[in-house]
Amino acid sequence: MSGARPNILFLMADQHRVDTLPAYGNPTVQTPAIDRIAARGTVFERCYTPSAICTPARASLLTGLHPFEHGLLSNYEWNSGHREELPDGLPTFSAALRDEGYALGHVGKWHVGRHRGPDAYGFEGRHLPGALNPYDDEDYTAWLDEHGYPPFAAHEPVYTSAADGSRGHLIAARLAQPTEATFEAYLADRAIEMLRRFADDGRPFSLSLHYFGPHLPYLLPDEWYDRYDPSEVVLPASMSETFAGKPEVQRTYSAYWGADSFDDAQWRKLTAVYWGYVAMIDHQYGRVLDELDRLGLTDTTAVFATADHGEFTGAHRLNDKGPAMYEDIYRIPGIVSIPGGEPGRRAEFVNLLDFTATILDLAGAPTAGCRGRSLLPLLSGEPAHGWRDELIAEFHGHHFSYAQRMLRTDHHKLVVNPEGIDEFYDLDADPHELHNAIDVPRHAATVRDLRLRLYRELVARGDRFAQWLAFRGGIPESERVRPETAVEARIG
């Protein structure tokens, strides 16, 4: 890429499964806007979140730091004693872009902290906190009135059932509003207004448009609720999950979410509704991309399309996300188009921190403090010399504290669970991660190697979780790095 610094349009969804997109092989769902970005840019086949929880992932995107470093480890709504705001003084890509003369805008879901919104980090934009569409937001209700649209109302709710037979969680409902009155349309309108202001301003800009969906509950107008035929849905093989040989927390979480409340036909319908939500958001992305075209900015704007994490949607008899480090929630869409880039597909492991580094690099800002790596060489079609051959993710809890670390390589996955049995998956033989082979003798050497690789990387990062790996065994004494306490230092 050469020439003037590009504008940046960052499109992020919440709980967006990769397998809903044609760019990743779905033959049924129609997402023409995301397809447009993919046709002009690069589809990263193996893109991952650093943590499959909204706040840790979004804080990592903002700061370029690992979750254990920035300290926002869980969503504030379900906080288990973790901090609720970023510590003062941490780097942010917004501060770096502002120093480079960029105009900054944020529209939609924030969820980086409880009280500090995007304005606290230099963005123009309103603070919309929390996990779900705030249908009572005063600006949204005023927008409805201004356009003569009907107020929010939903009917035909679909709930799970709790173990005692009582009503469980709301999963979906029909929205008694037309598409143009949805919260998703409102956010697109506000993003388009901001685009126009930035175009008039003349400075390079970075605009983030973050949607609250397709996070459950799926509240959609009939047009999208019924858009896809449930008979076209192929349910994931992992719905045959037994939890045999796996951490007990997964069985408990399955019961909490009531995923077994629905039979196959109901799950096909709910999955089809989820697909409709994906398509509805894509429709709004398309409106924003059309405005980019109309303003003559498409050829000078880098566009990102991604998500903070995925969603189970019944896979592994689970819903939402939580203490289970499966591909369903850790692998995310990663599609990037840059001016002058080389369209194509890449198989390298990348994550949201790499997007942070790429944003900084696009703006000509230093990337040294970012834990990610700029994707500009890959986006320009260059060979991936020396690129990482593994990926690490972390989890700290949701609803309750629960620590995990994951190492994902080309063919295998190791998940370390201090409060339960560890997990090892041979992804070639078991792509649906149904069989925990942690104790299978023929995999013993591979498991030892993965433990050591994970340990070394955690030590290099300064992640104290490494001490637990050493305690559990399998780490040679010569490799161990044990922090010395003040008492030990005096005893000698």
Protein backbone atom coordinates (compact mmCIF):
# COMPACT_ATOMS: atom_id res chain seq x y z
CA MET A 1 0.00 0.00 0.00
CA SER A 2 1.27 3.48 -0.82
CA GLY A 3 0.12 7.06 -0.88
CA ALA A 4 -1.87 9.06 1.64
CA ARG A 5 -3.05 7.53 4.87
CA PRO A 6 -6.36 5.79 4.30
CA ASN A 7 -9.63 6.22 6.11
CA ILE A 8 -10.67 3.29 8.30
CA LEU A 9 -14.15 1.76 8.58
CA PHE A 10 -14.34 -0.91 11.26
CA LEU A 11 -17.47 -3.10 11.24
CA MET A 12 -17.93 -5.37 14.26
CA ALA A 13 -20.77 -7.71 15.18
CA ASP A 14 -21.35 -9.46 18.50
CA GLN A 15 -21.49 -13.27 18.75
CA HIS A 16 -21.14 -13.84 15.02
CA ARG A 17 -20.43 -17.42 13.97
CA VAL A 18 -18.05 -17.85 11.05
CA ASP A 19 -20.19 -20.57 9.48
CA THR A 20 -23.01 -18.11 8.74
CA LEU A 21 -21.06 -16.39 5.96
CA PRO A 22 -20.68 -17.30 2.27
CA ALA A 23 -17.08 -16.10 2.56
CA TYR A 24 -16.52 -19.05 4.91
CA GLY A 25 -18.53 -21.60 2.95
CA ASN A 26 -22.18 -21.11 3.92
CA PRO A 27 -24.19 -21.84 0.74
CA THR A 28 -27.50 -20.42 1.94
CA VAL A 29 -27.13 -17.17 3.88
CA GLN A 30 -26.90 -14.06 1.72
CA THR A 31 -24.48 -11.36 2.93
CA PRO A 32 -23.77 -9.20 -0.14
CA ALA A 33 -22.16 -6.39 1.85
CA ILE A 34 -19.60 -8.62 3.55
CA ASP A 35 -19.10 -10.39 0.23
CA ARG A 36 -18.22 -7.00 -1.30
CA ILE A 37 -15.50 -6.48 1.30
CA ALA A 38 -14.21 -10.01 0.76
CA ALA A 39 -14.08 -9.54 -3.03
CA ARG A 40 -11.91 -6.45 -2.63
CA GLY A 41 -9.83 -7.75 0.24
CA THR A 42 -8.51 -10.70 2.20
CA VAL A 43 -10.43 -13.41 4.01
CA PHE A 44 -8.46 -14.73 6.98
CA GLU A 45 -9.46 -18.36 7.35
CA ARG A 46 -8.14 -18.71 10.88
CA CYS A 47 -9.02 -15.55 12.73
CA TYR A 48 -9.56 -15.79 16.50
CA THR A 49 -10.60 -13.70 19.44
CA PRO A 50 -8.19 -13.33 22.39
CA SER A 51 -11.11 -14.11 24.74
CA ALA A 52 -14.65 -15.16 23.86
CA ILE A 53 -16.32 -12.55 26.06
CA CYS A 54 -17.37 -9.09 24.88
CA THR A 55 -15.52 -6.79 27.26
CA PRO A 56 -12.11 -8.53 27.34
CA ALA A 57 -12.11 -8.87 23.54
CA ARG A 58 -13.14 -5.27 22.90
CA ALA A 59 -10.68 -3.92 25.44
CA SER A 60 -7.91 -5.89 23.72
CA LEU A 61 -8.92 -4.40 20.36
CA LEU A 62 -8.79 -0.89 21.84
CA THR A 63 -5.49 -1.28 23.71
CA GLY A 64 -3.63 -3.90 21.70
CA LEU A 65 -2.94 -5.74 24.98
CA HIS A 66 -3.79 -9.23 26.16
CA PRO A 67 -6.74 -9.41 28.56
CA PHE A 68 -4.60 -10.38 31.54
CA GLU A 69 -2.58 -7.22 30.90
CA HIS A 70 -5.37 -4.64 30.55
CA GLY A 71 -7.39 -6.22 33.36
CA LEU A 72 -10.94 -6.03 31.95
CA LEU A 73 -11.59 -9.74 32.32
CA SER A 74 -15.37 -10.05 32.26
CA ASN A 75 -18.53 -8.19 31.33
CA TYR A 76 -19.59 -5.83 34.08
CA GLU A 77 -23.14 -7.20 34.12
CA TRP A 78 -21.80 -10.56 35.33
CA ASN A 79 -18.69 -9.29 37.09
CA SER A 80 -17.06 -11.71 39.54
CA GLY A 81 -14.86 -9.21 41.33
CA HIS A 82 -12.87 -8.07 38.29
CA ARG A 83 -12.29 -4.41 37.52
CA GLU A 84 -14.96 -2.51 35.57
CA GLU A 85 -12.85 0.13 33.79
CA LEU A 86 -9.50 0.13 32.06
CA PRO A 87 -6.64 1.39 34.21
CA ASP A 88 -5.53 4.93 33.44
CA GLY A 89 -2.55 5.37 31.17
CA LEU A 90 -2.92 2.32 28.94
CA PRO A 91 -2.22 2.78 25.22
CA THR A 92 -5.20 2.92 22.86
CA PHE A 93 -5.30 2.97 19.10
CA SER A 94 -7.67 5.94 19.32
CA ALA A 95 -5.08 8.06 21.11
CA ALA A 96 -2.45 7.11 18.56
CA LEU A 97 -4.74 7.94 15.62
CA ARG A 98 -5.74 11.23 17.18
CA ASP A 99 -2.03 12.11 17.44
CA GLU A 100 -1.77 11.35 13.72
CA GLY A 101 -4.55 13.83 12.92
CA TYR A 102 -7.42 11.38 12.42
CA ALA A 103 -11.04 12.21 13.12
CA LEU A 104 -12.49 9.45 15.28
CA GLY A 105 -16.05 8.17 15.47
CA HIS A 106 -17.80 5.30 17.20
CA VAL A 107 -21.40 4.22 16.65
CA GLY A 108 -23.12 1.39 18.50
CA LYS A 109 -22.12 -1.15 21.10
CA TRP A 110 -19.21 -0.11 23.33
CA HIS A 111 -18.98 -2.53 26.27
CA VAL A 112 -15.36 -1.72 27.08
CA GLY A 113 -16.23 -0.40 30.52
CA ARG A 114 -19.20 0.36 32.68
CA HIS A 115 -19.10 4.16 32.93
CA ARG A 116 -16.47 5.35 30.45
CA GLY A 117 -17.82 5.49 26.94
CA PRO A 118 -16.15 6.13 23.58
CA ASP A 119 -15.89 9.85 24.33
CA ALA A 120 -13.51 9.03 27.19
CA TYR A 121 -11.11 7.62 24.60
CA GLY A 122 -11.30 10.40 22.03
CA PHE A 123 -14.14 9.14 19.82
CA GLU A 124 -17.10 11.20 18.72
CA GLY A 125 -20.10 9.10 19.63
CA ARG A 126 -22.62 8.23 22.29
CA HIS A 127 -22.04 5.68 25.03
CA LEU A 128 -24.35 2.71 24.53
CA PRO A 129 -23.37 0.41 27.39
CA GLY A 130 -24.27 -3.18 28.01
CA ALA A 131 -24.67 -6.41 26.10
CA LEU A 132 -27.99 -5.98 24.29
CA ASN A 133 -29.82 -3.46 22.11
CA PRO A 134 -30.94 -0.64 24.45
CA TYR A 135 -34.45 -0.28 23.02
CA ASP A 136 -35.28 2.41 25.59
CA ASP A 137 -32.36 4.63 24.59
CA GLU A 138 -33.58 8.22 24.38
CA ASP A 139 -31.88 8.97 21.08
CA TYR A 140 -33.35 5.84 19.49
CA THR A 141 -36.88 6.59 20.71
CA ALA A 142 -36.54 10.19 19.48
CA TRP A 143 -35.37 8.87 16.10
CA LEU A 144 -38.44 6.61 15.93
CA ASP A 145 -40.71 9.57 16.66
CA GLU A 146 -38.90 11.76 14.13
CA HIS A 147 -39.52 9.24 11.34
CA GLY A 148 -42.99 8.22 12.43
CA TYR A 149 -41.88 4.64 13.12
CA PRO A 150 -43.70 2.38 15.60
CA PRO A 151 -42.09 1.83 19.00
CA PHE A 152 -40.27 -1.35 19.99
CA ALA A 153 -42.61 -4.29 20.60
CA ALA A 154 -42.05 -8.02 20.31
CA HIS A 155 -44.32 -11.06 20.36
CA GLU A 156 -44.21 -14.87 20.10
CA PRO A 157 -41.22 -15.17 22.44
CA VAL A 158 -39.21 -18.39 22.50
CA TYR A 159 -37.79 -19.36 25.89
CA THR A 160 -35.70 -22.23 27.13
CA SER A 161 -36.92 -24.32 30.06
CA ALA A 162 -35.06 -24.50 33.35
CA ALA A 163 -34.31 -27.83 35.03
CA ASP A 164 -37.34 -27.45 37.31
CA GLY A 165 -39.62 -26.80 34.34
CA SER A 166 -39.86 -23.05 34.89
CA ARG A 167 -39.24 -20.49 32.16
CA GLY A 168 -35.60 -20.07 31.25
CA HIS A 169 -33.83 -17.67 28.90
CA LEU A 170 -35.33 -15.66 26.06
CA ILE A 171 -33.79 -16.88 22.80
CA ALA A 172 -35.91 -15.25 20.08
CA ALA A 173 -39.07 -13.28 19.34
CA ARG A 174 -40.80 -11.59 16.44
CA LEU A 175 -40.30 -7.83 16.30
CA ALA A 176 -43.43 -5.80 15.58
CA GLN A 177 -41.51 -3.18 13.60
CA PRO A 178 -40.47 -2.86 9.95
CA THR A 179 -36.81 -3.25 9.07
CA GLU A 180 -36.33 0.51 8.72
CA ALA A 181 -37.44 1.02 12.36
CA THR A 182 -35.05 -1.49 13.94
CA PHE A 183 -32.24 -0.52 16.25
CA GLU A 184 -29.90 -1.88 13.59
CA ALA A 185 -31.26 0.60 11.02
CA TYR A 186 -30.95 3.40 13.57
CA LEU A 187 -27.26 2.63 14.07
CA ALA A 188 -26.66 2.58 10.31
CA ASP A 189 -28.37 5.98 10.02
CA ARG A 190 -26.13 7.45 12.70
CA ALA A 191 -23.02 5.96 11.05
CA ILE A 192 -24.02 7.42 7.68
CA GLU A 193 -24.52 10.84 9.26
CA MET A 194 -21.06 10.61 10.80
CA LEU A 195 -19.53 9.53 7.48
CA ARG A 196 -20.95 12.61 5.83
CA ARG A 197 -19.52 14.88 8.50
CA PHE A 198 -16.12 13.26 8.20
CA ALA A 199 -16.20 13.59 4.42
CA ASP A 200 -16.88 17.32 4.78
CA ASP A 201 -14.12 17.63 7.40
CA GLY A 202 -11.45 16.47 4.94
CA ARG A 203 -9.18 14.80 7.48
CA PRO A 204 -8.55 11.05 7.40
CA PHE A 205 -11.03 9.32 9.70
CA SER A 206 -11.56 6.13 11.63
CA LEU A 207 -15.20 5.16 12.10
CA SER A 208 -16.23 2.11 14.13
CA LEU A 209 -19.74 0.70 13.69
CA HIS A 210 -20.40 -1.98 16.30
CA TYR A 211 -23.64 -3.97 16.33
CA PHE A 212 -25.19 -5.65 19.37
CA GLY A 213 -26.32 -8.60 17.22
CA PRO A 214 -26.52 -11.34 16.18
CA HIS A 215 -26.21 -11.89 19.94
CA LEU A 216 -29.22 -13.67 21.37
CA PRO A 217 -32.09 -13.00 21.87
CA TYR A 218 -32.87 -12.78 18.17
CA LEU A 219 -35.54 -10.07 17.95
CA LEU A 220 -36.35 -9.61 14.26
CA PRO A 221 -39.10 -8.38 11.95
CA ASP A 222 -40.93 -11.16 10.12
CA GLU A 223 -38.99 -10.30 6.94
CA TRP A 224 -35.81 -11.58 8.56
CA TYR A 225 -37.26 -14.00 11.12
CA ASP A 226 -38.66 -16.13 8.30
CA ARG A 227 -36.05 -15.36 5.65
CA TYR A 228 -34.43 -18.81 5.67
CA ASP A 229 -36.06 -22.20 5.43
CA PRO A 230 -35.21 -24.34 8.48
CA SER A 231 -34.99 -27.38 6.21
CA GLU A 232 -31.81 -25.86 4.74
CA VAL A 233 -30.11 -25.85 8.15
CA VAL A 234 -27.64 -28.63 8.83
CA LEU A 235 -27.27 -28.93 12.60
CA PRO A 236 -23.69 -29.21 13.88
CA ALA A 237 -22.38 -32.68 14.67
CA SER A 238 -21.41 -31.40 18.12
CA MET A 239 -25.09 -31.39 19.13
CA SER A 240 -24.43 -35.06 19.92
CA GLU A 241 -22.14 -33.91 22.74
CA THR A 242 -22.16 -36.23 25.78
CA PHE A 243 -19.64 -34.31 27.97
CA ALA A 244 -17.96 -37.63 28.71
CA GLY A 245 -14.38 -37.06 29.81
CA LYS A 246 -14.83 -33.28 29.78
CA PRO A 247 -14.90 -30.60 32.51
CA GLU A 248 -18.12 -30.86 34.52
CA VAL A 249 -18.66 -27.11 34.13
CA GLN A 250 -19.74 -27.71 30.52
CA ARG A 251 -22.58 -30.02 31.56
CA THR A 252 -23.61 -27.50 34.22
CA TYR A 253 -23.54 -24.64 31.74
CA SER A 254 -25.63 -26.65 29.30
CA ALA A 255 -28.28 -27.11 32.00
CA TYR A 256 -28.11 -23.41 32.89
CA TRP A 257 -28.81 -22.36 29.30
CA GLY A 258 -31.42 -25.05 28.72
CA ALA A 259 -30.05 -25.96 25.30
CA ASP A 260 -31.76 -29.37 25.55
CA SER A 261 -35.15 -27.61 25.76
CA PHE A 262 -35.44 -27.72 21.98
CA ASP A 263 -35.69 -30.66 19.61
CA ASP A 264 -33.94 -30.77 16.23
CA ALA A 265 -36.79 -29.07 14.38
CA GLN A 266 -36.84 -26.22 16.87
CA TRP A 267 -33.07 -25.83 16.68
CA ARG A 268 -33.26 -25.68 12.90
CA LYS A 269 -35.78 -22.87 13.14
CA LEU A 270 -33.76 -20.98 15.75
CA THR A 271 -30.61 -21.36 13.66
CA ALA A 272 -32.49 -20.10 10.60
CA VAL A 273 -33.62 -17.09 12.66
CA TYR A 274 -29.99 -16.51 13.71
CA TRP A 275 -29.05 -16.57 10.02
CA GLY A 276 -31.74 -13.99 9.43
CA TYR A 277 -30.19 -11.76 12.06
CA VAL A 278 -26.81 -12.05 10.33
CA ALA A 279 -28.42 -11.11 7.00
CA MET A 280 -30.26 -8.15 8.53
CA ILE A 281 -27.05 -6.73 9.95
CA ASP A 282 -25.34 -7.27 6.62
CA HIS A 283 -28.18 -5.30 5.00
CA GLN A 284 -27.31 -2.35 7.23
CA TYR A 285 -23.60 -2.76 6.49
CA GLY A 286 -24.56 -2.48 2.84
CA ARG A 287 -26.26 0.85 3.41
CA VAL A 288 -23.06 2.20 4.99
CA LEU A 289 -20.89 0.83 2.18
CA ASP A 290 -23.25 2.40 -0.37
CA GLU A 291 -22.78 5.76 1.33
CA LEU A 292 -19.02 5.26 1.23
CA ASP A 293 -19.39 4.77 -2.54
CA ARG A 294 -21.63 7.81 -2.91
CA LEU A 295 -19.11 9.98 -1.07
CA GLY A 296 -16.31 8.75 -3.33
CA LEU A 297 -14.39 7.30 -0.37
CA THR A 298 -14.34 3.59 -1.19
CA ASP A 299 -10.95 3.58 -2.91
CA THR A 300 -9.30 5.46 -0.03
CA THR A 301 -10.84 3.55 2.87
CA ALA A 302 -9.67 0.38 4.60
CA VAL A 303 -12.62 -1.75 5.72
CA PHE A 304 -12.61 -4.39 8.46
CA ALA A 305 -15.47 -6.86 9.08
CA THR A 306 -15.16 -8.99 12.18
CA ALA A 307 -16.73 -9.91 15.54
CA ASP A 308 -15.73 -9.95 19.19
CA HIS A 309 -16.46 -13.71 19.39
CA GLY A 310 -18.83 -16.37 18.14
CA GLU A 311 -21.90 -18.05 19.63
CA PHE A 312 -22.77 -21.67 20.39
CA THR A 313 -26.36 -21.61 19.05
CA GLY A 314 -26.86 -25.15 20.33
CA ALA A 315 -23.45 -26.51 19.35
CA HIS A 316 -22.05 -28.77 22.08
CA ARG A 317 -25.50 -28.50 23.71
CA LEU A 318 -24.56 -24.97 24.75
CA ASN A 319 -25.84 -21.47 24.14
CA ASP A 320 -24.35 -17.99 24.28
CA LYS A 321 -20.66 -18.37 25.23
CA GLY A 322 -18.81 -19.43 28.37
CA PRO A 323 -16.15 -21.70 29.91
CA ALA A 324 -15.65 -23.97 26.88
CA MET A 325 -12.94 -23.02 24.40
CA TYR A 326 -14.44 -24.53 21.27
CA GLU A 327 -14.00 -23.21 17.74
CA ASP A 328 -17.68 -22.15 17.71
CA ILE A 329 -16.94 -19.14 19.93
CA TYR A 330 -13.19 -18.54 19.50
CA ARG A 331 -12.96 -18.53 15.71
CA ILE A 332 -14.37 -15.30 14.26
CA PRO A 333 -14.83 -13.63 10.88
CA GLY A 334 -11.79 -11.71 9.75
CA ILE A 335 -12.21 -9.90 6.44
CA VAL A 336 -10.11 -6.85 5.57
CA SER A 337 -9.87 -4.66 2.48
CA ILE A 338 -7.20 -1.98 2.12
CA PRO A 339 -6.56 0.47 -0.73
CA GLY A 340 -4.19 -1.18 -3.16
CA GLY A 341 -4.35 -4.52 -1.38
CA GLU A 342 -4.13 -7.95 -2.96
CA PRO A 343 -7.46 -9.86 -2.75
CA GLY A 344 -7.28 -13.46 -1.66
CA ARG A 345 -7.44 -15.88 1.25
CA ARG A 346 -4.86 -16.41 3.97
CA ALA A 347 -4.43 -19.37 6.30
CA GLU A 348 -2.22 -17.69 8.91
CA PHE A 349 -3.37 -17.47 12.53
CA VAL A 350 -4.51 -13.90 13.24
CA ASN A 351 -6.52 -12.26 16.00
CA LEU A 352 -8.07 -8.97 17.09
CA LEU A 353 -4.76 -7.65 18.42
CA ASP A 354 -3.39 -7.96 14.89
CA PHE A 355 -6.26 -5.74 13.74
CA THR A 356 -5.15 -3.15 16.31
CA ALA A 357 -1.60 -3.25 14.98
CA THR A 358 -2.92 -2.98 11.41
CA ILE A 359 -5.01 0.09 12.25
CA LEU A 360 -1.95 1.74 13.79
CA ASP A 361 0.19 0.82 10.78
CA LEU A 362 -2.39 2.15 8.34
CA ALA A 363 -2.36 5.48 10.16
CA GLY A 364 1.43 5.67 10.25
CA ALA A 365 1.42 5.35 14.05
CA PRO A 366 3.98 3.30 16.03
CA THR A 367 3.03 -0.33 16.63
CA ALA A 368 5.79 -1.18 19.11
CA GLY A 369 3.55 -1.28 22.19
CA CYS A 370 0.89 -3.45 20.55
CA ARG A 371 0.96 -7.20 21.22
CA GLY A 372 -0.46 -7.86 17.75
CA ARG A 373 1.32 -7.82 14.42
CA SER A 374 0.36 -5.65 11.45
CA LEU A 375 -1.41 -7.54 8.70
CA LEU A 376 -0.39 -5.09 5.97
CA PRO A 377 2.21 -7.45 4.45
CA LEU A 378 -0.35 -10.28 4.28
CA LEU A 379 -3.01 -7.92 2.90
CA SER A 380 -0.56 -6.88 0.20
CA GLY A 381 0.02 -10.49 -0.85
CA GLU A 382 3.50 -10.87 0.58
CA PRO A 383 4.78 -14.28 1.79
CA ALA A 384 4.20 -14.92 5.49
CA HIS A 385 7.83 -15.37 6.46
CA GLY A 386 8.18 -15.93 10.18
CA TRP A 387 4.46 -15.64 10.90
CA ARG A 388 3.15 -17.37 14.04
CA ASP A 389 2.28 -21.05 13.74
CA GLU A 390 0.08 -21.17 16.83
CA LEU A 391 -2.45 -19.07 18.65
CA ILE A 392 -3.19 -18.57 22.35
CA ALA A 393 -6.45 -17.45 23.92
CA GLU A 394 -7.50 -16.85 27.51
CA PHE A 395 -10.68 -16.88 29.55
CA HIS A 396 -11.33 -15.54 33.04
CA GLY A 397 -15.02 -16.11 33.65
CA HIS A 398 -18.59 -15.23 32.76
CA HIS A 399 -21.27 -15.37 35.46
CA PHE A 400 -18.47 -16.70 37.72
CA SER A 401 -14.66 -16.69 37.78
CA TYR A 402 -13.18 -19.54 35.78
CA ALA A 403 -9.66 -19.44 34.36
CA GLN A 404 -8.62 -21.16 31.13
CA ARG A 405 -5.84 -20.95 28.56
CA MET A 406 -5.87 -22.43 25.06
CA LEU A 407 -3.14 -23.27 22.58
CA ARG A 408 -4.34 -23.82 19.01
CA THR A 409 -1.95 -25.18 16.38
CA ASP A 410 -2.48 -26.37 12.82
CA HIS A 411 -3.75 -29.78 13.90
CA HIS A 412 -4.33 -29.74 17.64
CA LYS A 413 -5.81 -27.85 20.54
CA LEU A 414 -4.86 -27.91 24.22
CA VAL A 415 -7.14 -26.33 26.83
CA VAL A 416 -5.91 -26.04 30.41
CA ASN A 417 -8.66 -25.98 33.06
CA PRO A 418 -7.37 -25.56 36.63
CA GLU A 419 -10.87 -26.33 37.96
CA GLY A 420 -11.43 -29.40 35.83
CA ILE A 421 -9.88 -31.94 33.51
CA ASP A 422 -7.67 -30.52 30.77
CA GLU A 423 -8.67 -31.02 27.14
CA PHE A 424 -6.77 -32.13 24.05
CA TYR A 425 -8.36 -32.36 20.62
CA ASP A 426 -6.89 -33.94 17.51
CA LEU A 427 -8.61 -31.58 15.07
CA ASP A 428 -7.81 -33.67 12.01
CA ALA A 429 -9.48 -36.78 13.40
CA ASP A 430 -12.06 -34.92 15.50
CA PRO A 431 -12.89 -31.56 13.86
CA HIS A 432 -16.06 -31.17 15.96
CA GLU A 433 -14.10 -31.45 19.23
CA LEU A 434 -16.29 -34.21 20.62
CA HIS A 435 -13.60 -36.49 22.05
CA ASN A 436 -11.23 -35.25 24.73
CA ALA A 437 -8.07 -37.25 24.08
CA ILE A 438 -6.02 -35.76 26.92
CA ASP A 439 -5.32 -39.22 28.40
CA VAL A 440 -4.93 -41.19 25.17
CA PRO A 441 -1.41 -42.72 25.32
CA ARG A 442 -0.59 -42.23 21.65
CA HIS A 443 -1.10 -38.46 22.08
CA ALA A 444 1.05 -38.18 25.22
CA ALA A 445 4.12 -36.81 23.44
CA THR A 446 2.03 -34.24 21.56
CA VAL A 447 0.32 -33.12 24.76
CA ARG A 448 3.69 -32.70 26.49
CA ASP A 449 4.96 -30.64 23.58
CA LEU A 450 1.88 -28.41 23.57
CA ARG A 451 2.11 -27.86 27.33
CA LEU A 452 5.71 -26.79 27.00
CA ARG A 453 4.96 -24.50 24.06
CA LEU A 454 2.08 -22.91 25.95
CA TYR A 455 4.21 -22.53 29.08
CA ARG A 456 7.03 -20.82 27.23
CA GLU A 457 4.68 -18.35 25.56
CA LEU A 458 2.87 -17.52 28.81
CA VAL A 459 6.20 -16.89 30.52
CA ALA A 460 7.28 -14.65 27.64
CA ARG A 461 4.03 -12.69 27.97
CA GLY A 462 4.30 -12.38 31.73
CA ASP A 463 1.08 -14.35 32.27
CA ARG A 464 1.22 -15.89 35.75
CA PHE A 465 -1.06 -18.69 34.60
CA ALA A 466 2.25 -20.30 33.60
CA GLN A 467 2.80 -21.21 37.26
CA TRP A 468 -0.25 -23.45 37.18
CA LEU A 469 1.08 -25.27 34.14
CA ALA A 470 4.35 -25.91 35.96
CA PHE A 471 2.49 -27.12 39.05
CA ARG A 472 0.43 -29.58 37.00
CA GLY A 473 3.61 -31.19 35.73
CA GLY A 474 5.12 -31.86 32.35
CA ILE A 475 7.36 -28.78 32.42
CA PRO A 476 11.06 -29.69 32.83
CA GLU A 477 12.75 -28.17 35.84
CA SER A 478 15.24 -26.49 33.53
CA GLU A 479 12.39 -24.62 31.85
CA ARG A 480 10.59 -23.41 34.94
CA VAL A 481 10.58 -19.74 35.86
CA ARG A 482 9.38 -19.31 39.42
CA PRO A 483 8.97 -15.81 40.87
CA GLU A 484 10.91 -15.56 44.10
CA THR A 485 9.06 -14.10 47.07
CA ALA A 486 10.59 -11.56 49.43
CA VAL A 487 10.62 -14.16 52.23
CA GLU A 488 12.42 -16.69 50.04
CA ALA A 489 14.96 -14.07 49.04
CA ARG A 490 15.83 -13.45 52.73
CA ILE A 491 15.99 -17.14 53.61
CA GLY A 492 18.22 -17.96 50.67
